[in-house]
C-alpha atoms as a PDB file:
ATOM      1  CA  MET A   1      14.865   9.270  45.938  1.00  0.00           C
ATOM      2  CA  LYS A   2      12.273  10.714  44.620  1.00  0.00           C
ATOM      3  CA  ASN A   3      13.993  11.684  40.925  1.00  0.00           C
ATOM      4  CA  LEU A   4      14.893   6.941  40.949  1.00  0.00           C
ATOM      5  CA  LEU A   5      12.095   6.408  41.714  1.00  0.00           C
ATOM      6  CA  GLY A   6      10.363   8.382  39.174  1.00  0.00           C
ATOM      7  CA  ALA A   7      12.282   7.518  36.842  1.00  0.00           C
ATOM      8  CA  LEU A   8      10.982   3.790  37.442  1.00  0.00           C
ATOM      9  CA  VAL A   9       7.747   4.260  37.557  1.00  0.00           C
ATOM     10  CA  LEU A  10       8.032   5.725  34.368  1.00  0.00           C
ATOM     11  CA  PHE A  11      10.669   3.314  32.600  1.00  0.00           C
ATOM     12  CA  LEU A  12       8.414   0.010  33.862  1.00  0.00           C
ATOM     13  CA  ALA A  13       4.724   2.400  32.655  1.00  0.00           C
ATOM     14  CA  PHE A  14       6.841   1.903  28.339  1.00  0.00           C
ATOM     15  CA  THR A  15       8.080  -0.911  29.698  1.00  0.00           C
ATOM     16  CA  VAL A  16       4.209  -2.853  30.256  1.00  0.00           C
ATOM     17  CA  ASN A  17       2.934  -0.466  26.925  1.00  0.00           C
ATOM     18  CA  ALA A  18       5.481  -1.446  24.334  1.00  0.00           C
ATOM     19  CA  ASN A  19       3.924  -5.404  25.950  1.00  0.00           C
ATOM     20  CA  ALA A  20       0.723  -4.880  24.897  1.00  0.00           C
ATOM     21  CA  GLN A  21       1.595  -3.314  21.619  1.00  0.00           C
ATOM     22  CA  GLU A  22       3.192  -6.710  20.849  1.00  0.00           C
ATOM     23  CA  THR A  23       0.859  -8.897  20.694  1.00  0.00           C
ATOM     24  CA  PHE A  24      -1.130  -8.592  17.633  1.00  0.00           C
ATOM     25  CA  LYS A  25       0.044  -7.736  14.809  1.00  0.00           C
ATOM     26  CA  LYS A  26      -1.258  -7.161  11.642  1.00  0.00           C
ATOM     27  CA  VAL A  27      -0.085  -8.711   8.855  1.00  0.00           C
ATOM     28  CA  ASP A  28      -0.391  -8.528   5.233  1.00  0.00           C
ATOM     29  CA  GLU A  29      -3.322  -8.729   3.186  1.00  0.00           C
ATOM     30  CA  LYS A  30      -2.443  -9.724  -0.234  1.00  0.00           C
ATOM     31  CA  VAL A  31       0.344 -12.299   0.582  1.00  0.00           C
ATOM     32  CA  GLU A  32      -1.877 -13.795   3.456  1.00  0.00           C
ATOM     33  CA  ALA A  33      -4.736 -14.207   0.477  1.00  0.00           C
ATOM     34  CA  LYS A  34      -2.662 -15.584  -1.418  1.00  0.00           C
ATOM     35  CA  LYS A  35      -1.784 -18.454   1.086  1.00  0.00           C
ATOM     36  CA  ASN A  36      -4.291 -19.778   1.631  1.00  0.00           C
ATOM     37  CA  LEU A  37      -5.749 -19.641  -1.655  1.00  0.00           C
ATOM     38  CA  VAL A  38      -2.998 -21.743  -2.685  1.00  0.00           C
ATOM     39  CA  ALA A  39      -3.926 -23.740   0.193  1.00  0.00           C
ATOM     40  CA  LEU A  40      -7.241 -24.253  -1.333  1.00  0.00           C
ATOM     41  CA  LEU A  41      -5.784 -25.808  -5.412  1.00  0.00           C
ATOM     42  CA  GLU A  42      -3.826 -28.310  -4.232  1.00  0.00           C
ATOM     43  CA  VAL A  43      -7.138 -29.918  -3.552  1.00  0.00           C
ATOM     44  CA  VAL A  44      -9.790 -28.764  -5.535  1.00  0.00           C
ATOM     45  CA  THR A  45      -9.040 -27.489  -9.151  1.00  0.00           C
ATOM     46  CA  ILE A  46     -11.225 -23.790  -9.687  1.00  0.00           C
ATOM     47  CA  ASP A  47     -11.295 -21.744 -12.694  1.00  0.00           C
ATOM     48  CA  GLU A  48      -9.618 -17.686 -12.821  1.00  0.00           C
ATOM     49  CA  ASN A  49     -12.972 -15.787 -12.328  1.00  0.00           C
ATOM     50  CA  LEU A  50     -13.275 -17.881  -9.077  1.00  0.00           C
ATOM     51  CA  SER A  51      -9.824 -17.767  -8.398  1.00  0.00           C
ATOM     52  CA  LEU A  52     -10.195 -13.854  -8.571  1.00  0.00           C
ATOM     53  CA  ALA A  53     -13.361 -13.664  -6.809  1.00  0.00           C
ATOM     54  CA  LEU A  54     -11.587 -15.904  -3.391  1.00  0.00           C
ATOM     55  CA  THR A  55      -9.006 -13.814  -3.316  1.00  0.00           C
ATOM     56  CA  GLY A  56     -10.897 -11.161  -1.981  1.00  0.00           C
ATOM     57  CA  LEU A  57     -12.769 -12.948  -0.233  1.00  0.00           C
ATOM     58  CA  PHE A  58      -9.060 -14.161   1.489  1.00  0.00           C
ATOM     59  CA  GLU A  59      -8.163 -11.097   1.346  1.00  0.00           C
ATOM     60  CA  TYR A  60     -11.320  -9.113   3.399  1.00  0.00           C
ATOM     61  CA  LYS A  61     -11.062 -11.960   5.871  1.00  0.00           C
ATOM     62  CA  PHE A  62      -7.757 -10.622   6.333  1.00  0.00           C
ATOM     63  CA  SER A  63      -8.689  -7.149   6.778  1.00  0.00           C
ATOM     64  CA  ARG A  64     -11.627  -8.167   8.949  1.00  0.00           C
ATOM     65  CA  LEU A  65      -9.048  -9.992  11.253  1.00  0.00           C
ATOM     66  CA  ASN A  66      -6.325  -7.091  11.363  1.00  0.00           C
ATOM     67  CA  GLU A  67      -9.029  -5.354  12.830  1.00  0.00           C
ATOM     68  CA  ASN A  68      -8.429  -6.371  15.448  1.00  0.00           C
ATOM     69  CA  LEU A  69     -11.963  -9.096  16.303  1.00  0.00           C
ATOM     70  CA  SER A  70     -12.492 -10.058  19.283  1.00  0.00           C
ATOM     71  CA  ALA A  71     -13.297 -13.412  19.931  1.00  0.00           C
ATOM     72  CA  ASP A  72     -17.266 -14.207  19.127  1.00  0.00           C
ATOM     73  CA  GLY A  73     -16.394 -11.630  16.517  1.00  0.00           C
ATOM     74  CA  LYS A  74     -13.397 -13.833  14.520  1.00  0.00           C
ATOM     75  CA  ILE A  75     -16.223 -16.790  15.196  1.00  0.00           C
ATOM     76  CA  GLU A  76     -19.180 -14.947  13.072  1.00  0.00           C
ATOM     77  CA  LEU A  77     -15.906 -14.301  10.466  1.00  0.00           C
ATOM     78  CA  ALA A  78     -15.489 -17.262  10.532  1.00  0.00           C
ATOM     79  CA  ASN A  79     -19.107 -18.534  10.080  1.00  0.00           C
ATOM     80  CA  ILE A  80     -19.329 -15.866   7.024  1.00  0.00           C
ATOM     81  CA  ILE A  81     -16.484 -17.378   5.140  1.00  0.00           C
ATOM     82  CA  GLU A  82     -17.394 -21.002   5.336  1.00  0.00           C
ATOM     83  CA  ALA A  83     -20.608 -20.318   4.252  1.00  0.00           C
ATOM     84  CA  LYS A  84     -19.097 -18.376   1.288  1.00  0.00           C
ATOM     85  CA  LEU A  85     -17.360 -21.831   0.153  1.00  0.00           C
ATOM     86  CA  ARG A  86     -20.077 -23.737   0.897  1.00  0.00           C
ATOM     87  CA  ALA A  87     -22.434 -22.042  -1.529  1.00  0.00           C
ATOM     88  CA  THR A  88     -19.494 -21.575  -4.341  1.00  0.00           C
ATOM     89  CA  PHE A  89     -17.925 -24.889  -3.845  1.00  0.00           C
ATOM     90  CA  THR A  90     -20.213 -28.644  -4.973  1.00  0.00           C
ATOM     91  CA  GLU A  91     -21.056 -31.128  -1.825  1.00  0.00           C
ATOM     92  CA  THR A  92     -17.775 -33.000  -3.835  1.00  0.00           C
ATOM     93  CA  GLN A  93     -15.732 -30.037  -3.584  1.00  0.00           C
ATOM     94  CA  MET A  94     -16.637 -29.547  -0.288  1.00  0.00           C
ATOM     95  CA  LYS A  95     -15.448 -33.137   0.820  1.00  0.00           C
ATOM     96  CA  SER A  96     -12.217 -32.690  -0.223  1.00  0.00           C
ATOM     97  CA  ILE A  97     -11.884 -29.743   1.538  1.00  0.00           C
ATOM     98  CA  GLU A  98     -13.218 -30.578   4.448  1.00  0.00           C
ATOM     99  CA  ASN A  99     -10.672 -34.129   3.954  1.00  0.00           C
ATOM    100  CA  LYS A 100      -7.969 -32.873   3.622  1.00  0.00           C
ATOM    101  CA  LYS A 101      -6.532 -32.182   7.682  1.00  0.00           C
ATOM    102  CA  GLY A 102      -7.031 -28.880   9.320  1.00  0.00           C
ATOM    103  CA  LEU A 103      -7.993 -27.033   5.540  1.00  0.00           C
ATOM    104  CA  LEU A 104     -11.112 -25.834   6.463  1.00  0.00           C
ATOM    105  CA  LYS A 105      -9.958 -23.803   9.652  1.00  0.00           C
ATOM    106  CA  LYS A 106      -7.356 -22.552   8.086  1.00  0.00           C
ATOM    107  CA  LEU A 107      -9.890 -21.014   5.341  1.00  0.00           C
ATOM    108  CA  THR A 108     -11.851 -19.798   7.061  1.00  0.00           C
ATOM    109  CA  ASN A 109      -9.922 -18.414  10.982  1.00  0.00           C
END
């Protein structure tokens, strides 16, 4: 009886541990950065140097998100990315980005 109870406890412990690890999954930073850049290029035209800089910014975003940030950390990161985008683009380009439904959120979160 003790062995059966012990086996059940161990089984439940491993099951809970496995479920906890599945809730956060890391993403490939380079692939996700390219997806963000492609989505951005559908709305605005940029040169190659700016494209490389934005790819680096998006890779940074995903590397930070891979650190499993807290909710406050994610908000702060989104604000930083948005500020950098606003500093990079003209007002007309930013309006184009904002008018594309969900694009700014995708780029910042």
